[in-house]
């Protein structure tokens, strides 16, 4: 899920281009969340025939033939949970990583309470996109995180990444806020604006 919507208006593109030329940088993310307080699993359609969901094991990524997945192995390790979708031939085609506790504090984007975690990355092999696999891993992984004792999950999505936004919405996640950061040449730290839309 790394494609981005390029359909911004010419005016917006022009303003952003001018800002970049004078040294102004920005980042803008929509924040999505899902409550796991229910004891029942999410209403999920079965995976496409020939695919299975599982928690990632050591060696799954190194054995994966897709570089877009192999290069993400650093998301794993202490303070993380990782899940994947595999083809019937055993090849990993989609993966998602959650961080929590001290690991999350290294790159925190939204305040987490105890028993909460953040989805830090979700990636599908390019050849496997368009099959609904990303939506299914997001649903299945939420159920697994509930079983592990987590009560709420968060994720951040670049504001124009419409494909990832659709995946989150179809997976039952809700848009709860927006974070905008603007870096100015004369400031050492970016200006940060947070808009909380609603809570779960």
C-alpha atoms as a PDB file:
ATOM      1  CA  UNK A   1       0.000   0.000   0.000  1.00  0.00           C
ATOM      2  CA  UNK A   2       2.409   2.587  -1.177  1.00  0.00           C
ATOM      3  CA  UNK A   3       0.558   4.221  -4.060  1.00  0.00           C
ATOM      4  CA  UNK A   4      -0.539   7.816  -3.666  1.00  0.00           C
ATOM      5  CA  UNK A   5      -3.299   9.855  -5.221  1.00  0.00           C
ATOM      6  CA  UNK A   6      -1.778  12.313  -7.697  1.00  0.00           C
ATOM      7  CA  UNK A   7      -5.101  13.991  -8.505  1.00  0.00           C
ATOM      8  CA  UNK A   8      -4.537  17.120  -6.449  1.00  0.00           C
ATOM      9  CA  UNK A   9      -5.659  20.314  -8.166  1.00  0.00           C
ATOM     10  CA  UNK A  10      -3.115  22.371 -10.153  1.00  0.00           C
ATOM     11  CA  UNK A  11      -3.461  25.163  -7.575  1.00  0.00           C
ATOM     12  CA  UNK A  12      -2.553  22.834  -4.691  1.00  0.00           C
ATOM     13  CA  UNK A  13       0.346  21.358  -6.657  1.00  0.00           C
ATOM     14  CA  UNK A  14       1.574  24.854  -7.477  1.00  0.00           C
ATOM     15  CA  UNK A  15       1.443  26.020  -3.863  1.00  0.00           C
ATOM     16  CA  UNK A  16       3.244  22.913  -2.625  1.00  0.00           C
ATOM     17  CA  UNK A  17       5.877  23.249  -5.347  1.00  0.00           C
ATOM     18  CA  UNK A  18       6.536  26.886  -4.447  1.00  0.00           C
ATOM     19  CA  UNK A  19       6.771  26.068  -0.757  1.00  0.00           C
ATOM     20  CA  UNK A  20       9.311  23.333  -1.475  1.00  0.00           C
ATOM     21  CA  UNK A  21      11.466  25.693  -3.546  1.00  0.00           C
ATOM     22  CA  UNK A  22      11.734  28.166  -0.652  1.00  0.00           C
ATOM     23  CA  UNK A  23      12.645  25.430   1.825  1.00  0.00           C
ATOM     24  CA  UNK A  24       9.266  24.736   3.402  1.00  0.00           C
ATOM     25  CA  UNK A  25       8.475  21.056   3.941  1.00  0.00           C
ATOM     26  CA  UNK A  26       5.313  19.466   5.241  1.00  0.00           C
ATOM     27  CA  UNK A  27       3.855  16.165   6.277  1.00  0.00           C
ATOM     28  CA  UNK A  28       0.155  15.494   6.650  1.00  0.00           C
ATOM     29  CA  UNK A  29      -1.346  12.262   7.932  1.00  0.00           C
ATOM     30  CA  UNK A  30      -4.889  11.119   8.625  1.00  0.00           C
ATOM     31  CA  UNK A  31      -5.154   9.072  11.822  1.00  0.00           C
ATOM     32  CA  UNK A  32      -7.355   5.978  11.845  1.00  0.00           C
ATOM     33  CA  UNK A  33      -8.308   3.841  14.831  1.00  0.00           C
ATOM     34  CA  UNK A  34     -10.318   0.777  15.743  1.00  0.00           C
ATOM     35  CA  UNK A  35     -11.631  -0.223  19.151  1.00  0.00           C
ATOM     36  CA  UNK A  36     -11.012  -3.839  20.140  1.00  0.00           C
ATOM     37  CA  UNK A  37     -13.097  -3.779  23.304  1.00  0.00           C
ATOM     38  CA  UNK A  38     -15.655  -6.122  21.796  1.00  0.00           C
ATOM     39  CA  UNK A  39     -14.980  -9.753  22.610  1.00  0.00           C
ATOM     40  CA  UNK A  40     -16.214 -10.914  19.201  1.00  0.00           C
ATOM     41  CA  UNK A  41     -14.153 -11.111  16.047  1.00  0.00           C
ATOM     42  CA  UNK A  42     -14.697  -8.611  13.260  1.00  0.00           C
ATOM     43  CA  UNK A  43     -17.101  -9.500  10.477  1.00  0.00           C
ATOM     44  CA  UNK A  44     -14.639 -10.633   7.856  1.00  0.00           C
ATOM     45  CA  UNK A  45     -14.960 -12.239   4.464  1.00  0.00           C
ATOM     46  CA  UNK A  46     -12.775 -15.281   3.895  1.00  0.00           C
ATOM     47  CA  UNK A  47      -9.398 -14.875   2.272  1.00  0.00           C
ATOM     48  CA  UNK A  48      -9.235 -15.540  -1.472  1.00  0.00           C
ATOM     49  CA  UNK A  49      -8.824 -19.211  -2.268  1.00  0.00           C
ATOM     50  CA  UNK A  50      -5.235 -20.337  -1.898  1.00  0.00           C
ATOM     51  CA  UNK A  51      -4.203 -17.786   0.758  1.00  0.00           C
ATOM     52  CA  UNK A  52      -3.752 -18.093   4.520  1.00  0.00           C
ATOM     53  CA  UNK A  53      -3.173 -15.647   7.383  1.00  0.00           C
ATOM     54  CA  UNK A  54      -0.576 -16.240  10.123  1.00  0.00           C
ATOM     55  CA  UNK A  55       1.643 -14.451  12.595  1.00  0.00           C
ATOM     56  CA  UNK A  56       5.097 -13.973  11.085  1.00  0.00           C
ATOM     57  CA  UNK A  57       7.885 -16.260  12.235  1.00  0.00           C
ATOM     58  CA  UNK A  58      11.654 -15.660  12.115  1.00  0.00           C
ATOM     59  CA  UNK A  59      12.837 -16.306   8.595  1.00  0.00           C
ATOM     60  CA  UNK A  60       9.541 -15.581   6.824  1.00  0.00           C
ATOM     61  CA  UNK A  61      10.799 -12.272   5.453  1.00  0.00           C
ATOM     62  CA  UNK A  62      14.268 -13.470   4.496  1.00  0.00           C
ATOM     63  CA  UNK A  63      12.647 -16.297   2.510  1.00  0.00           C
ATOM     64  CA  UNK A  64      10.256 -13.920   0.742  1.00  0.00           C
ATOM     65  CA  UNK A  65      11.066 -13.348  -2.960  1.00  0.00           C
ATOM     66  CA  UNK A  66       9.584  -9.839  -2.981  1.00  0.00           C
ATOM     67  CA  UNK A  67      12.123  -7.081  -2.131  1.00  0.00           C
ATOM     68  CA  UNK A  68       9.355  -4.665  -1.133  1.00  0.00           C
ATOM     69  CA  UNK A  69       8.597  -7.030   1.769  1.00  0.00           C
ATOM     70  CA  UNK A  70      12.144  -8.193   2.589  1.00  0.00           C
ATOM     71  CA  UNK A  71      13.393  -4.635   3.075  1.00  0.00           C
ATOM     72  CA  UNK A  72      10.816  -4.110   5.845  1.00  0.00           C
ATOM     73  CA  UNK A  73      12.294  -6.649   8.255  1.00  0.00           C
ATOM     74  CA  UNK A  74      13.520  -3.845  10.550  1.00  0.00           C
ATOM     75  CA  UNK A  75       9.906  -3.236  11.621  1.00  0.00           C
ATOM     76  CA  UNK A  76      10.042  -6.498  13.564  1.00  0.00           C
ATOM     77  CA  UNK A  77      11.792  -7.271  16.836  1.00  0.00           C
ATOM     78  CA  UNK A  78      11.051  -6.523  20.498  1.00  0.00           C
ATOM     79  CA  UNK A  79       8.000  -4.345  21.049  1.00  0.00           C
ATOM     80  CA  UNK A  80       6.301  -5.433  17.844  1.00  0.00           C
ATOM     81  CA  UNK A  81       3.823  -7.965  16.506  1.00  0.00           C
ATOM     82  CA  UNK A  82       3.879  -8.929  12.828  1.00  0.00           C
ATOM     83  CA  UNK A  83       1.363 -10.759  10.669  1.00  0.00           C
ATOM     84  CA  UNK A  84       1.338 -11.983   7.111  1.00  0.00           C
ATOM     85  CA  UNK A  85      -0.711 -13.468   4.329  1.00  0.00           C
ATOM     86  CA  UNK A  86       0.841 -16.379   2.462  1.00  0.00           C
ATOM     87  CA  UNK A  87       0.014 -18.018  -0.850  1.00  0.00           C
ATOM     88  CA  UNK A  88      -0.657 -21.755  -0.921  1.00  0.00           C
ATOM     89  CA  UNK A  89       2.939 -22.267  -2.118  1.00  0.00           C
ATOM     90  CA  UNK A  90       4.140 -20.733   1.165  1.00  0.00           C
ATOM     91  CA  UNK A  91       5.254 -17.396  -0.302  1.00  0.00           C
ATOM     92  CA  UNK A  92       4.637 -14.324   1.880  1.00  0.00           C
ATOM     93  CA  UNK A  93       2.701 -11.719  -0.150  1.00  0.00           C
ATOM     94  CA  UNK A  94       1.484  -9.193   2.452  1.00  0.00           C
ATOM     95  CA  UNK A  95       2.677  -8.147   5.914  1.00  0.00           C
ATOM     96  CA  UNK A  96       1.672  -5.770   8.703  1.00  0.00           C
ATOM     97  CA  UNK A  97       3.603  -4.637  11.794  1.00  0.00           C
ATOM     98  CA  UNK A  98       2.299  -3.198  15.070  1.00  0.00           C
ATOM     99  CA  UNK A  99       4.473  -1.415  17.634  1.00  0.00           C
ATOM    100  CA  UNK A 100       3.714  -0.812  21.303  1.00  0.00           C
ATOM    101  CA  UNK A 101       5.418   0.264  24.531  1.00  0.00           C
ATOM    102  CA  UNK A 102       8.963   1.604  24.348  1.00  0.00           C
ATOM    103  CA  UNK A 103       9.405   0.529  20.728  1.00  0.00           C
ATOM    104  CA  UNK A 104       6.542   2.776  19.659  1.00  0.00           C
ATOM    105  CA  UNK A 105       7.982   5.749  21.538  1.00  0.00           C
ATOM    106  CA  UNK A 106      10.894   5.804  19.080  1.00  0.00           C
ATOM    107  CA  UNK A 107       8.580   7.029  16.303  1.00  0.00           C
ATOM    108  CA  UNK A 108       5.328   7.917  18.037  1.00  0.00           C
ATOM    109  CA  UNK A 109       2.735   9.849  16.036  1.00  0.00           C
ATOM    110  CA  UNK A 110      -0.278   9.645  18.413  1.00  0.00           C
ATOM    111  CA  UNK A 111      -0.457   9.168  22.183  1.00  0.00           C
ATOM    112  CA  UNK A 112      -1.034   5.558  23.204  1.00  0.00           C
ATOM    113  CA  UNK A 113      -2.413   4.319  26.488  1.00  0.00           C
ATOM    114  CA  UNK A 114      -1.571   0.946  27.969  1.00  0.00           C
ATOM    115  CA  UNK A 115      -2.923  -1.966  25.928  1.00  0.00           C
ATOM    116  CA  UNK A 116      -2.952   0.165  22.772  1.00  0.00           C
ATOM    117  CA  UNK A 117      -0.730  -0.307  19.715  1.00  0.00           C
ATOM    118  CA  UNK A 118      -0.011   1.364  16.396  1.00  0.00           C
ATOM    119  CA  UNK A 119       0.147  -0.131  12.926  1.00  0.00           C
ATOM    120  CA  UNK A 120       3.509   1.118  11.684  1.00  0.00           C
ATOM    121  CA  UNK A 121       3.531  -0.447   8.231  1.00  0.00           C
ATOM    122  CA  UNK A 122       1.431  -2.555   5.895  1.00  0.00           C
ATOM    123  CA  UNK A 123       2.801  -3.666   2.535  1.00  0.00           C
ATOM    124  CA  UNK A 124       1.616  -5.990  -0.211  1.00  0.00           C
ATOM    125  CA  UNK A 125       3.685  -7.457  -3.035  1.00  0.00           C
ATOM    126  CA  UNK A 126       3.047  -5.391  -6.158  1.00  0.00           C
ATOM    127  CA  UNK A 127       1.900  -8.444  -8.102  1.00  0.00           C
ATOM    128  CA  UNK A 128      -0.714  -9.286  -5.448  1.00  0.00           C
ATOM    129  CA  UNK A 129      -2.455  -5.928  -5.148  1.00  0.00           C
ATOM    130  CA  UNK A 130      -6.080  -5.488  -6.110  1.00  0.00           C
ATOM    131  CA  UNK A 131      -7.200  -8.807  -4.581  1.00  0.00           C
ATOM    132  CA  UNK A 132      -8.455  -7.434  -1.264  1.00  0.00           C
ATOM    133  CA  UNK A 133      -5.535  -8.939   0.642  1.00  0.00           C
ATOM    134  CA  UNK A 134      -4.576  -5.706   2.419  1.00  0.00           C
ATOM    135  CA  UNK A 135      -8.121  -5.338   3.732  1.00  0.00           C
ATOM    136  CA  UNK A 136      -8.111  -8.919   4.985  1.00  0.00           C
ATOM    137  CA  UNK A 137      -4.778  -8.660   6.782  1.00  0.00           C
ATOM    138  CA  UNK A 138      -5.992  -5.514   8.522  1.00  0.00           C
ATOM    139  CA  UNK A 139      -9.139  -7.324   9.691  1.00  0.00           C
ATOM    140  CA  UNK A 140      -7.408 -10.546  10.730  1.00  0.00           C
ATOM    141  CA  UNK A 141      -4.553  -8.766  12.494  1.00  0.00           C
ATOM    142  CA  UNK A 142      -7.003  -6.666  14.533  1.00  0.00           C
ATOM    143  CA  UNK A 143      -8.593  -9.881  15.804  1.00  0.00           C
ATOM    144  CA  UNK A 144      -5.170 -11.273  16.696  1.00  0.00           C
ATOM    145  CA  UNK A 145      -4.222  -8.086  18.538  1.00  0.00           C
ATOM    146  CA  UNK A 146      -7.498  -8.317  20.482  1.00  0.00           C
ATOM    147  CA  UNK A 147      -6.602 -11.885  21.447  1.00  0.00           C
ATOM    148  CA  UNK A 148      -3.239 -10.623  22.700  1.00  0.00           C
ATOM    149  CA  UNK A 149      -4.995  -8.211  25.078  1.00  0.00           C
ATOM    150  CA  UNK A 150      -4.896  -4.932  23.139  1.00  0.00           C
ATOM    151  CA  UNK A 151      -7.936  -2.657  23.380  1.00  0.00           C
ATOM    152  CA  UNK A 152      -7.374  -0.146  20.556  1.00  0.00           C
ATOM    153  CA  UNK A 153      -5.213   0.223  17.457  1.00  0.00           C
ATOM    154  CA  UNK A 154      -4.095   3.304  15.538  1.00  0.00           C
ATOM    155  CA  UNK A 155      -2.517   3.920  12.168  1.00  0.00           C
ATOM    156  CA  UNK A 156      -1.446   6.958  10.191  1.00  0.00           C
ATOM    157  CA  UNK A 157      -1.975   7.344   6.465  1.00  0.00           C
ATOM    158  CA  UNK A 158      -0.590  10.011   4.155  1.00  0.00           C
ATOM    159  CA  UNK A 159      -3.469  12.365   3.402  1.00  0.00           C
ATOM    160  CA  UNK A 160      -3.611  11.633  -0.344  1.00  0.00           C
ATOM    161  CA  UNK A 161      -3.082   7.856  -0.113  1.00  0.00           C
ATOM    162  CA  UNK A 162      -6.644   7.057  -1.109  1.00  0.00           C
ATOM    163  CA  UNK A 163      -6.044   3.318  -1.572  1.00  0.00           C
ATOM    164  CA  UNK A 164      -4.824   2.912   2.027  1.00  0.00           C
ATOM    165  CA  UNK A 165      -7.663   5.082   3.298  1.00  0.00           C
ATOM    166  CA  UNK A 166     -10.187   2.836   1.521  1.00  0.00           C
ATOM    167  CA  UNK A 167      -8.541  -0.270   3.002  1.00  0.00           C
ATOM    168  CA  UNK A 168      -8.855   1.167   6.515  1.00  0.00           C
ATOM    169  CA  UNK A 169     -12.478   2.145   6.003  1.00  0.00           C
ATOM    170  CA  UNK A 170     -13.396  -1.274   4.582  1.00  0.00           C
ATOM    171  CA  UNK A 171     -11.601  -2.899   7.524  1.00  0.00           C
ATOM    172  CA  UNK A 172     -13.783  -1.100  10.069  1.00  0.00           C
ATOM    173  CA  UNK A 173     -11.275   1.570  11.120  1.00  0.00           C
ATOM    174  CA  UNK A 174     -12.469   5.161  11.680  1.00  0.00           C
ATOM    175  CA  UNK A 175     -10.800   8.478  10.900  1.00  0.00           C
ATOM    176  CA  UNK A 176     -10.169  10.081  14.312  1.00  0.00           C
ATOM    177  CA  UNK A 177      -7.895  12.992  13.444  1.00  0.00           C
ATOM    178  CA  UNK A 178      -5.285  14.670  11.284  1.00  0.00           C
ATOM    179  CA  UNK A 179      -1.690  15.645  11.977  1.00  0.00           C
ATOM    180  CA  UNK A 180       0.012  18.409   9.967  1.00  0.00           C
ATOM    181  CA  UNK A 181       3.679  19.299  10.464  1.00  0.00           C
ATOM    182  CA  UNK A 182       5.341  22.222   8.685  1.00  0.00           C
ATOM    183  CA  UNK A 183       9.127  22.609   8.688  1.00  0.00           C
ATOM    184  CA  UNK A 184      10.379  26.160   8.141  1.00  0.00           C
ATOM    185  CA  UNK A 185      13.980  27.071   7.253  1.00  0.00           C
ATOM    186  CA  UNK A 186      14.352  29.317  10.309  1.00  0.00           C
ATOM    187  CA  UNK A 187      13.015  26.801  12.843  1.00  0.00           C
ATOM    188  CA  UNK A 188      14.796  23.778  14.276  1.00  0.00           C
ATOM    189  CA  UNK A 189      11.535  22.014  15.090  1.00  0.00           C
ATOM    190  CA  UNK A 190       8.459  21.798  12.846  1.00  0.00           C
ATOM    191  CA  UNK A 191       5.178  23.467  13.630  1.00  0.00           C
ATOM    192  CA  UNK A 192       2.697  20.751  14.572  1.00  0.00           C
ATOM    193  CA  UNK A 193      -1.068  20.961  14.287  1.00  0.00           C
ATOM    194  CA  UNK A 194      -3.338  18.190  15.555  1.00  0.00           C
ATOM    195  CA  UNK A 195      -7.043  17.963  14.806  1.00  0.00           C
ATOM    196  CA  UNK A 196      -8.947  15.328  16.737  1.00  0.00           C
ATOM    197  CA  UNK A 197     -12.062  14.361  14.834  1.00  0.00           C
ATOM    198  CA  UNK A 198     -13.683  12.045  17.337  1.00  0.00           C
ATOM    199  CA  UNK A 199     -12.875   9.318  19.800  1.00  0.00           C
ATOM    200  CA  UNK A 200     -13.931   5.679  19.707  1.00  0.00           C
END
